[in-house]
PDB file of N, CA and C in Angstrom:
ATOM      1  N   PRO A   1     207.845  43.891  33.163  1.00  0.00           N
ATOM      2  CA  PRO A   1     207.774  44.391  31.890  1.00  0.00           C
ATOM      3  C   PRO A   1     208.053  43.501  31.061  1.00  0.00           C
ATOM      4  N   VAL A   2     207.464  43.385  29.754  1.00  0.00           N
ATOM      5  CA  VAL A   2     207.786  42.557  28.757  1.00  0.00           C
ATOM      6  C   VAL A   2     208.739  43.117  27.820  1.00  0.00           C
ATOM      7  N   LEU A   3     209.656  42.348  27.612  1.00  0.00           N
ATOM      8  CA  LEU A   3     210.809  42.546  26.663  1.00  0.00           C
ATOM      9  C   LEU A   3     210.837  41.757  25.506  1.00  0.00           C
ATOM     10  N   LYS A   4     211.319  42.502  24.449  1.00  0.00           N
ATOM     11  CA  LYS A   4     211.415  41.684  23.022  1.00  0.00           C
ATOM     12  C   LYS A   4     212.784  41.527  22.512  1.00  0.00           C
ATOM     13  N   ILE A   5     213.055  40.326  22.270  1.00  0.00           N
ATOM     14  CA  ILE A   5     214.575  39.925  21.532  1.00  0.00           C
ATOM     15  C   ILE A   5     213.870  39.067  20.293  1.00  0.00           C
ATOM     16  N   ARG A   6     214.821  39.103  19.557  1.00  0.00           N
ATOM     17  CA  ARG A   6     214.778  38.225  18.306  1.00  0.00           C
ATOM     18  C   ARG A   6     215.439  36.971  18.562  1.00  0.00           C
ATOM     19  N   ILE A   7     214.751  35.578  18.460  1.00  0.00           N
ATOM     20  CA  ILE A   7     215.356  34.365  18.364  1.00  0.00           C
ATOM     21  C   ILE A   7     214.811  33.660  17.170  1.00  0.00           C
ATOM     22  N   ALA A   8     215.593  33.293  16.312  1.00  0.00           N
ATOM     23  CA  ALA A   8     215.049  32.554  14.967  1.00  0.00           C
ATOM     24  C   ALA A   8     214.533  31.406  15.447  1.00  0.00           C
ATOM     25  N   GLU A   9     214.988  30.594  16.209  1.00  0.00           N
ATOM     26  CA  GLU A   9     214.470  29.172  16.545  1.00  0.00           C
ATOM     27  C   GLU A   9     213.202  29.439  17.058  1.00  0.00           C
ATOM     28  N   VAL A  10     212.712  30.206  18.087  1.00  0.00           N
ATOM     29  CA  VAL A  10     211.660  30.486  18.616  1.00  0.00           C
ATOM     30  C   VAL A  10     210.490  30.965  17.630  1.00  0.00           C
ATOM     31  N   GLU A  11     211.014  32.097  16.992  1.00  0.00           N
ATOM     32  CA  GLU A  11     210.078  32.542  15.832  1.00  0.00           C
ATOM     33  C   GLU A  11     209.584  31.678  14.979  1.00  0.00           C
ATOM     34  N   LYS A  12     210.205  30.499  14.699  1.00  0.00           N
ATOM     35  CA  LYS A  12     209.683  29.640  13.847  1.00  0.00           C
ATOM     36  C   LYS A  12     208.389  28.919  14.324  1.00  0.00           C
ATOM     37  N   VAL A  13     208.250  28.832  15.681  1.00  0.00           N
ATOM     38  CA  VAL A  13     207.164  28.173  16.466  1.00  0.00           C
ATOM     39  C   VAL A  13     205.959  29.198  16.497  1.00  0.00           C
ATOM     40  N   LEU A  14     206.184  30.431  16.548  1.00  0.00           N
ATOM     41  CA  LEU A  14     205.178  31.563  16.670  1.00  0.00           C
ATOM     42  C   LEU A  14     204.662  31.842  15.230  1.00  0.00           C
ATOM     43  N   SER A  15     203.371  32.372  15.041  1.00  0.00           N
ATOM     44  CA  SER A  15     203.170  32.784  13.834  1.00  0.00           C
ATOM     45  C   SER A  15     203.611  33.918  13.348  1.00  0.00           C
ATOM     46  N   LYS A  16     204.073  34.028  11.964  1.00  0.00           N
ATOM     47  CA  LYS A  16     204.787  35.222  11.458  1.00  0.00           C
ATOM     48  C   LYS A  16     204.070  36.496  11.683  1.00  0.00           C
ATOM     49  N   GLU A  17     202.857  36.531  11.760  1.00  0.00           N
ATOM     50  CA  GLU A  17     202.049  37.714  12.177  1.00  0.00           C
ATOM     51  C   GLU A  17     202.468  38.210  13.608  1.00  0.00           C
ATOM     52  N   ALA A  18     202.510  37.244  14.508  1.00  0.00           N
ATOM     53  CA  ALA A  18     202.851  37.659  15.947  1.00  0.00           C
ATOM     54  C   ALA A  18     204.324  38.290  16.064  1.00  0.00           C
ATOM     55  N   VAL A  19     205.031  37.659  15.293  1.00  0.00           N
ATOM     56  CA  VAL A  19     206.562  38.149  15.234  1.00  0.00           C
ATOM     57  C   VAL A  19     206.589  39.389  14.392  1.00  0.00           C
ATOM     58  N   GLN A  20     205.885  39.838  13.573  1.00  0.00           N
ATOM     59  CA  GLN A  20     205.871  40.920  12.797  1.00  0.00           C
ATOM     60  C   GLN A  20     205.198  42.134  13.721  1.00  0.00           C
ATOM     61  N   ASN A  21     204.120  41.644  14.349  1.00  0.00           N
ATOM     62  CA  ASN A  21     203.467  42.718  15.179  1.00  0.00           C
ATOM     63  C   ASN A  21     204.293  43.269  16.447  1.00  0.00           C
ATOM     64  N   THR A  22     204.982  42.387  16.713  1.00  0.00           N
ATOM     65  CA  THR A  22     205.888  42.788  18.139  1.00  0.00           C
ATOM     66  C   THR A  22     207.208  43.001  17.931  1.00  0.00           C
ATOM     67  N   GLY A  23     207.922  42.829  16.430  1.00  0.00           N
ATOM     68  CA  GLY A  23     209.075  43.068  16.405  1.00  0.00           C
ATOM     69  C   GLY A  23     210.074  42.054  16.826  1.00  0.00           C
ATOM     70  N   GLY A  24     209.699  40.931  17.362  1.00  0.00           N
ATOM     71  CA  GLY A  24     210.578  39.906  17.907  1.00  0.00           C
ATOM     72  C   GLY A  24     209.527  39.126  18.875  1.00  0.00           C
ATOM     73  N   VAL A  25     210.216  38.232  19.793  1.00  0.00           N
ATOM     74  CA  VAL A  25     209.326  37.531  20.544  1.00  0.00           C
ATOM     75  C   VAL A  25     209.281  38.319  21.892  1.00  0.00           C
ATOM     76  N   PRO A  26     207.914  38.234  22.339  1.00  0.00           N
ATOM     77  CA  PRO A  26     207.548  39.133  23.612  1.00  0.00           C
ATOM     78  C   PRO A  26     207.797  38.223  24.777  1.00  0.00           C
ATOM     79  N   PHE A  27     208.843  38.437  25.597  1.00  0.00           N
ATOM     80  CA  PHE A  27     209.005  37.510  26.826  1.00  0.00           C
ATOM     81  C   PHE A  27     208.561  38.207  28.072  1.00  0.00           C
ATOM     82  N   ASP A  28     208.054  37.496  29.146  1.00  0.00           N
ATOM     83  CA  ASP A  28     207.325  37.907  30.360  1.00  0.00           C
ATOM     84  C   ASP A  28     208.691  38.269  31.168  1.00  0.00           C
ATOM     85  N   TRP A  29     209.694  37.664  30.785  1.00  0.00           N
ATOM     86  CA  TRP A  29     210.773  37.606  31.886  1.00  0.00           C
ATOM     87  C   TRP A  29     212.216  37.398  30.876  1.00  0.00           C
ATOM     88  N   VAL A  30     213.107  38.218  31.193  1.00  0.00           N
ATOM     89  CA  VAL A  30     214.573  37.847  30.754  1.00  0.00           C
ATOM     90  C   VAL A  30     215.392  38.143  31.688  1.00  0.00           C
ATOM     91  N   PRO A  31     216.773  37.690  31.697  1.00  0.00           N
ATOM     92  CA  PRO A  31     217.586  37.997  32.959  1.00  0.00           C
ATOM     93  C   PRO A  31     217.879  39.405  32.830  1.00  0.00           C
ATOM     94  N   PRO A  32     217.757  39.896  34.064  1.00  0.00           N
ATOM     95  CA  PRO A  32     218.075  41.427  34.169  1.00  0.00           C
ATOM     96  C   PRO A  32     219.481  41.776  33.916  1.00  0.00           C
ATOM     97  N   ASN A  33     219.605  43.159  33.370  1.00  0.00           N
ATOM     98  CA  ASN A  33     220.993  43.654  33.352  1.00  0.00           C
ATOM     99  C   ASN A  33     222.033  42.888  32.372  1.00  0.00           C
ATOM    100  N   VAL A  34     221.540  42.195  31.433  1.00  0.00           N
ATOM    101  CA  VAL A  34     222.359  41.382  30.479  1.00  0.00           C
ATOM    102  C   VAL A  34     222.125  42.068  29.004  1.00  0.00           C
ATOM    103  N   PRO A  35     223.255  41.888  28.281  1.00  0.00           N
ATOM    104  CA  PRO A  35     223.233  42.458  26.922  1.00  0.00           C
ATOM    105  C   PRO A  35     222.192  41.469  26.180  1.00  0.00           C
ATOM    106  N   GLU A  36     221.690  41.898  25.112  1.00  0.00           N
ATOM    107  CA  GLU A  36     220.609  41.270  24.403  1.00  0.00           C
ATOM    108  C   GLU A  36     221.155  40.111  23.649  1.00  0.00           C
ATOM    109  N   ASP A  37     222.327  40.120  23.346  1.00  0.00           N
ATOM    110  CA  ASP A  37     222.841  38.682  22.649  1.00  0.00           C
ATOM    111  C   ASP A  37     223.132  37.808  23.640  1.00  0.00           C
ATOM    112  N   ILE A  38     223.510  38.070  24.898  1.00  0.00           N
ATOM    113  CA  ILE A  38     223.464  36.908  25.889  1.00  0.00           C
ATOM    114  C   ILE A  38     222.338  36.393  26.187  1.00  0.00           C
ATOM    115  N   VAL A  39     221.349  37.412  26.466  1.00  0.00           N
ATOM    116  CA  VAL A  39     219.946  36.821  26.660  1.00  0.00           C
ATOM    117  C   VAL A  39     219.447  36.038  25.644  1.00  0.00           C
ATOM    118  N   ALA A  40     219.519  36.273  24.395  1.00  0.00           N
ATOM    119  CA  ALA A  40     219.229  35.296  23.132  1.00  0.00           C
ATOM    120  C   ALA A  40     220.089  34.108  23.389  1.00  0.00           C
ATOM    121  N   GLU A  41     221.182  34.109  23.597  1.00  0.00           N
ATOM    122  CA  GLU A  41     221.976  32.853  23.850  1.00  0.00           C
ATOM    123  C   GLU A  41     221.393  32.060  25.082  1.00  0.00           C
ATOM    124  N   TYR A  42     220.985  32.778  26.114  1.00  0.00           N
ATOM    125  CA  TYR A  42     220.451  31.904  27.320  1.00  0.00           C
ATOM    126  C   TYR A  42     219.054  31.433  26.790  1.00  0.00           C
ATOM    127  N   MET A  43     218.351  32.094  26.298  1.00  0.00           N
ATOM    128  CA  MET A  43     217.072  31.551  25.860  1.00  0.00           C
ATOM    129  C   MET A  43     217.040  30.345  24.948  1.00  0.00           C
ATOM    130  N   ARG A  44     218.152  30.264  24.064  1.00  0.00           N
ATOM    131  CA  ARG A  44     218.311  29.185  23.030  1.00  0.00           C
ATOM    132  C   ARG A  44     218.525  27.807  23.983  1.00  0.00           C
ATOM    133  N   HIS A  45     219.069  27.830  25.101  1.00  0.00           N
ATOM    134  CA  HIS A  45     219.296  26.744  25.877  1.00  0.00           C
ATOM    135  C   HIS A  45     218.058  26.195  26.774  1.00  0.00           C
ATOM    136  N   ILE A  46     217.002  26.883  26.565  1.00  0.00           N
ATOM    137  CA  ILE A  46     215.781  26.605  27.293  1.00  0.00           C
ATOM    138  C   ILE A  46     214.831  25.839  26.204  1.00  0.00           C
ATOM    139  N   PRO A  47     214.338  24.775  26.569  1.00  0.00           N
ATOM    140  CA  PRO A  47     213.406  24.078  25.794  1.00  0.00           C
ATOM    141  C   PRO A  47     212.205  25.030  25.252  1.00  0.00           C
ATOM    142  N   VAL A  48     211.786  25.077  24.054  1.00  0.00           N
ATOM    143  CA  VAL A  48     210.871  25.996  23.468  1.00  0.00           C
ATOM    144  C   VAL A  48     209.634  25.785  24.262  1.00  0.00           C
ATOM    145  N   ASP A  49     209.100  24.742  24.738  1.00  0.00           N
ATOM    146  CA  ASP A  49     207.896  24.587  25.691  1.00  0.00           C
ATOM    147  C   ASP A  49     207.974  25.322  26.906  1.00  0.00           C
ATOM    148  N   LYS A  50     209.296  25.478  27.288  1.00  0.00           N
ATOM    149  CA  LYS A  50     209.445  26.332  28.745  1.00  0.00           C
ATOM    150  C   LYS A  50     209.632  27.706  28.804  1.00  0.00           C
ATOM    151  N   LEU A  51     209.818  28.123  27.617  1.00  0.00           N
ATOM    152  CA  LEU A  51     210.365  29.706  27.391  1.00  0.00           C
ATOM    153  C   LEU A  51     209.150  30.460  27.855  1.00  0.00           C
ATOM    154  N   PRO A  52     209.583  31.531  28.619  1.00  0.00           N
ATOM    155  CA  PRO A  52     208.593  32.262  29.254  1.00  0.00           C
ATOM    156  C   PRO A  52     208.135  33.466  28.169  1.00  0.00           C
ATOM    157  N   ILE A  53     207.485  32.877  26.997  1.00  0.00           N
ATOM    158  CA  ILE A  53     206.960  33.858  26.001  1.00  0.00           C
ATOM    159  C   ILE A  53     205.667  34.356  26.494  1.00  0.00           C
ATOM    160  N   SER A  54     205.416  35.687  26.647  1.00  0.00           N
ATOM    161  CA  SER A  54     204.273  36.203  26.856  1.00  0.00           C
ATOM    162  C   SER A  54     202.966  35.395  26.599  1.00  0.00           C
ATOM    163  N   GLY A  55     202.093  35.004  27.466  1.00  0.00           N
ATOM    164  CA  GLY A  55     200.892  34.405  27.081  1.00  0.00           C
ATOM    165  C   GLY A  55     200.893  32.806  26.758  1.00  0.00           C
ATOM    166  N   SER A  56     202.207  32.057  27.074  1.00  0.00           N
ATOM    167  CA  SER A  56     202.474  30.809  26.700  1.00  0.00           C
ATOM    168  C   SER A  56     202.435  30.092  27.760  1.00  0.00           C
ATOM    169  N   GLU A  57     202.358  28.625  27.562  1.00  0.00           N
ATOM    170  CA  GLU A  57     202.571  27.745  28.765  1.00  0.00           C
ATOM    171  C   GLU A  57     203.801  27.847  29.371  1.00  0.00           C
ATOM    172  N   GLY A  58     204.915  28.117  28.555  1.00  0.00           N
ATOM    173  CA  GLY A  58     206.045  28.331  29.346  1.00  0.00           C
ATOM    174  C   GLY A  58     206.082  29.310  30.225  1.00  0.00           C
ATOM    175  N   ALA A  59     205.407  30.569  30.125  1.00  0.00           N
ATOM    176  CA  ALA A  59     205.274  31.641  31.140  1.00  0.00           C
ATOM    177  C   ALA A  59     204.784  31.307  32.294  1.00  0.00           C
ATOM    178  N   VAL A  60     203.584  30.521  32.143  1.00  0.00           N
ATOM    179  CA  VAL A  60     202.699  29.903  33.337  1.00  0.00           C
ATOM    180  C   VAL A  60     203.661  29.023  34.208  1.00  0.00           C
ATOM    181  N   TYR A  61     204.326  28.122  33.450  1.00  0.00           N
ATOM    182  CA  TYR A  61     205.283  27.209  34.044  1.00  0.00           C
ATOM    183  C   TYR A  61     206.362  27.956  34.717  1.00  0.00           C
ATOM    184  N   ARG A  62     206.943  29.091  34.331  1.00  0.00           N
ATOM    185  CA  ARG A  62     207.881  29.688  34.894  1.00  0.00           C
ATOM    186  C   ARG A  62     207.372  30.336  36.251  1.00  0.00           C
ATOM    187  N   ARG A  63     206.261  30.891  36.107  1.00  0.00           N
ATOM    188  CA  ARG A  63     205.589  31.548  37.333  1.00  0.00           C
ATOM    189  C   ARG A  63     205.266  30.594  38.342  1.00  0.00           C
ATOM    190  N   GLN A  64     204.855  29.067  38.007  1.00  0.00           N
ATOM    191  CA  GLN A  64     204.673  28.075  38.953  1.00  0.00           C
ATOM    192  C   GLN A  64     205.789  27.544  39.664  1.00  0.00           C
ATOM    193  N   GLN A  65     206.851  27.461  38.848  1.00  0.00           N
ATOM    194  CA  GLN A  65     208.100  27.224  39.471  1.00  0.00           C
ATOM    195  C   GLN A  65     208.792  28.316  40.349  1.00  0.00           C
ATOM    196  N   LEU A  66     208.539  29.497  40.055  1.00  0.00           N
ATOM    197  CA  LEU A  66     209.033  30.577  40.895  1.00  0.00           C
ATOM    198  C   LEU A  66     208.221  30.473  42.214  1.00  0.00           C
ATOM    199  N   GLU A  67     206.947  30.257  42.110  1.00  0.00           N
ATOM    200  CA  GLU A  67     206.175  30.233  43.199  1.00  0.00           C
ATOM    201  C   GLU A  67     206.710  29.082  44.285  1.00  0.00           C
ATOM    202  N   ARG A  68     207.039  28.045  43.658  1.00  0.00           N
ATOM    203  CA  ARG A  68     207.368  26.849  44.489  1.00  0.00           C
ATOM    204  C   ARG A  68     208.802  27.321  45.322  1.00  0.00           C
ATOM    205  N   GLN A  69     209.629  27.868  44.613  1.00  0.00           N
ATOM    206  CA  GLN A  69     210.880  28.233  45.052  1.00  0.00           C
ATOM    207  C   GLN A  69     210.620  29.413  45.987  1.00  0.00           C
ATOM    208  N   VAL A  70     209.966  30.531  45.720  1.00  0.00           N
ATOM    209  CA  VAL A  70     209.773  31.725  46.544  1.00  0.00           C
ATOM    210  C   VAL A  70     208.476  31.841  46.382  1.00  0.00           C
ATOM    211  N   PRO A  71     207.797  31.615  47.600  1.00  0.00           N
ATOM    212  CA  PRO A  71     206.213  31.895  47.658  1.00  0.00           C
ATOM    213  C   PRO A  71     206.080  33.520  47.264  1.00  0.00           C
ATOM    214  N   LEU A  72     204.992  33.812  46.743  1.00  0.00           N
ATOM    215  CA  LEU A  72     204.865  35.196  46.350  1.00  0.00           C
ATOM    216  C   LEU A  72     204.438  36.160  47.514  1.00  0.00           C
ATOM    217  N   HIS A  73     204.065  35.684  48.623  1.00  0.00           N
ATOM    218  CA  HIS A  73     204.027  36.445  49.847  1.00  0.00           C
ATOM    219  C   HIS A  73     205.511  36.909  50.294  1.00  0.00           C
ATOM    220  N   ASP A  74     206.458  36.203  49.860  1.00  0.00           N
ATOM    221  CA  ASP A  74     207.819  36.461  50.224  1.00  0.00           C
ATOM    222  C   ASP A  74     208.280  37.653  49.482  1.00  0.00           C
ATOM    223  N   LEU A  75     207.791  37.955  48.427  1.00  0.00           N
ATOM    224  CA  LEU A  75     208.047  39.046  47.546  1.00  0.00           C
ATOM    225  C   LEU A  75     207.213  40.101  47.531  1.00  0.00           C
ATOM    226  N   ASP A  76     206.094  39.914  47.964  1.00  0.00           N
ATOM    227  CA  ASP A  76     204.952  41.121  47.949  1.00  0.00           C
ATOM    228  C   ASP A  76     204.301  41.255  49.240  1.00  0.00           C
ATOM    229  N   ALA A  77     204.496  42.349  49.993  1.00  0.00           N
ATOM    230  CA  ALA A  77     203.814  42.385  51.264  1.00  0.00           C
ATOM    231  C   ALA A  77     202.240  42.407  51.343  1.00  0.00           C
ATOM    232  N   SER A  78     201.779  42.694  50.132  1.00  0.00           N
ATOM    233  CA  SER A  78     200.210  42.861  49.935  1.00  0.00           C
ATOM    234  C   SER A  78     199.660  41.600  49.889  1.00  0.00           C
ATOM    235  N   LYS A  79     200.480  40.395  49.657  1.00  0.00           N
ATOM    236  CA  LYS A  79     199.832  39.235  49.684  1.00  0.00           C
ATOM    237  C   LYS A  79     199.969  38.426  50.989  1.00  0.00           C
ATOM    238  N   CYS A  80     200.463  39.252  51.982  1.00  0.00           N
ATOM    239  CA  CYS A  80     200.786  38.573  53.346  1.00  0.00           C
ATOM    240  C   CYS A  80     199.516  38.994  54.299  1.00  0.00           C
ATOM    241  N   ASP A  81     199.146  38.136  55.242  1.00  0.00           N
ATOM    242  CA  ASP A  81     198.257  38.438  56.297  1.00  0.00           C
ATOM    243  C   ASP A  81     198.880  38.981  57.509  1.00  0.00           C
ATOM    244  N   ASN A  82     198.363  39.924  58.265  1.00  0.00           N
ATOM    245  CA  ASN A  82     198.567  40.114  59.698  1.00  0.00           C
ATOM    246  C   ASN A  82     200.094  40.778  59.726  1.00  0.00           C
ATOM    247  N   LEU A  83     200.507  41.602  58.693  1.00  0.00           N
ATOM    248  CA  LEU A  83     201.791  42.266  59.067  1.00  0.00           C
ATOM    249  C   LEU A  83     201.605  43.534  59.662  1.00  0.00           C
ATOM    250  N   SER A  84     202.530  43.967  60.517  1.00  0.00           N
ATOM    251  CA  SER A  84     202.586  45.167  61.182  1.00  0.00           C
ATOM    252  C   SER A  84     203.091  46.274  60.237  1.00  0.00           C
ATOM    253  N   GLN A  85     202.647  47.435  60.391  1.00  0.00           N
ATOM    254  CA  GLN A  85     203.127  48.499  59.570  1.00  0.00           C
ATOM    255  C   GLN A  85     204.563  48.448  59.282  1.00  0.00           C
ATOM    256  N   GLU A  86     205.235  48.340  60.403  1.00  0.00           N
ATOM    257  CA  GLU A  86     206.901  48.221  60.594  1.00  0.00           C
ATOM    258  C   GLU A  86     207.393  47.112  59.359  1.00  0.00           C
ATOM    259  N   GLU A  87     206.735  46.005  59.691  1.00  0.00           N
ATOM    260  CA  GLU A  87     206.977  44.792  58.576  1.00  0.00           C
ATOM    261  C   GLU A  87     206.773  45.188  57.200  1.00  0.00           C
ATOM    262  N   ILE A  88     205.645  45.836  56.858  1.00  0.00           N
ATOM    263  CA  ILE A  88     205.222  46.454  55.576  1.00  0.00           C
ATOM    264  C   ILE A  88     206.370  47.197  54.959  1.00  0.00           C
ATOM    265  N   GLU A  89     206.763  48.175  55.923  1.00  0.00           N
ATOM    266  CA  GLU A  89     207.612  49.178  55.272  1.00  0.00           C
ATOM    267  C   GLU A  89     209.319  48.498  55.303  1.00  0.00           C
ATOM    268  N   GLY A  90     209.433  47.599  56.166  1.00  0.00           N
ATOM    269  CA  GLY A  90     210.719  47.135  56.184  1.00  0.00           C
ATOM    270  C   GLY A  90     211.351  46.598  54.832  1.00  0.00           C
TER     271      GLY A  90
END
């Protein structure tokens, strides 16, 4: 799910219309189960070009890095070949 938080430094990079239409910066991913103020602080430490803002090069970069660390087939059984029903359900 896309979550929206407000980070002034990032909003300067985006168009004013985009920020107004979304009520903040739409991210493809934010740290889960963390208060919004801590998420905002975390995002301030990531270079703007690497932020996982929805539809941005940073979001693509994050997905590519994640695929290197954890291949998609490790997270989604539908991406695997030749699994038994037991392995799929497991």
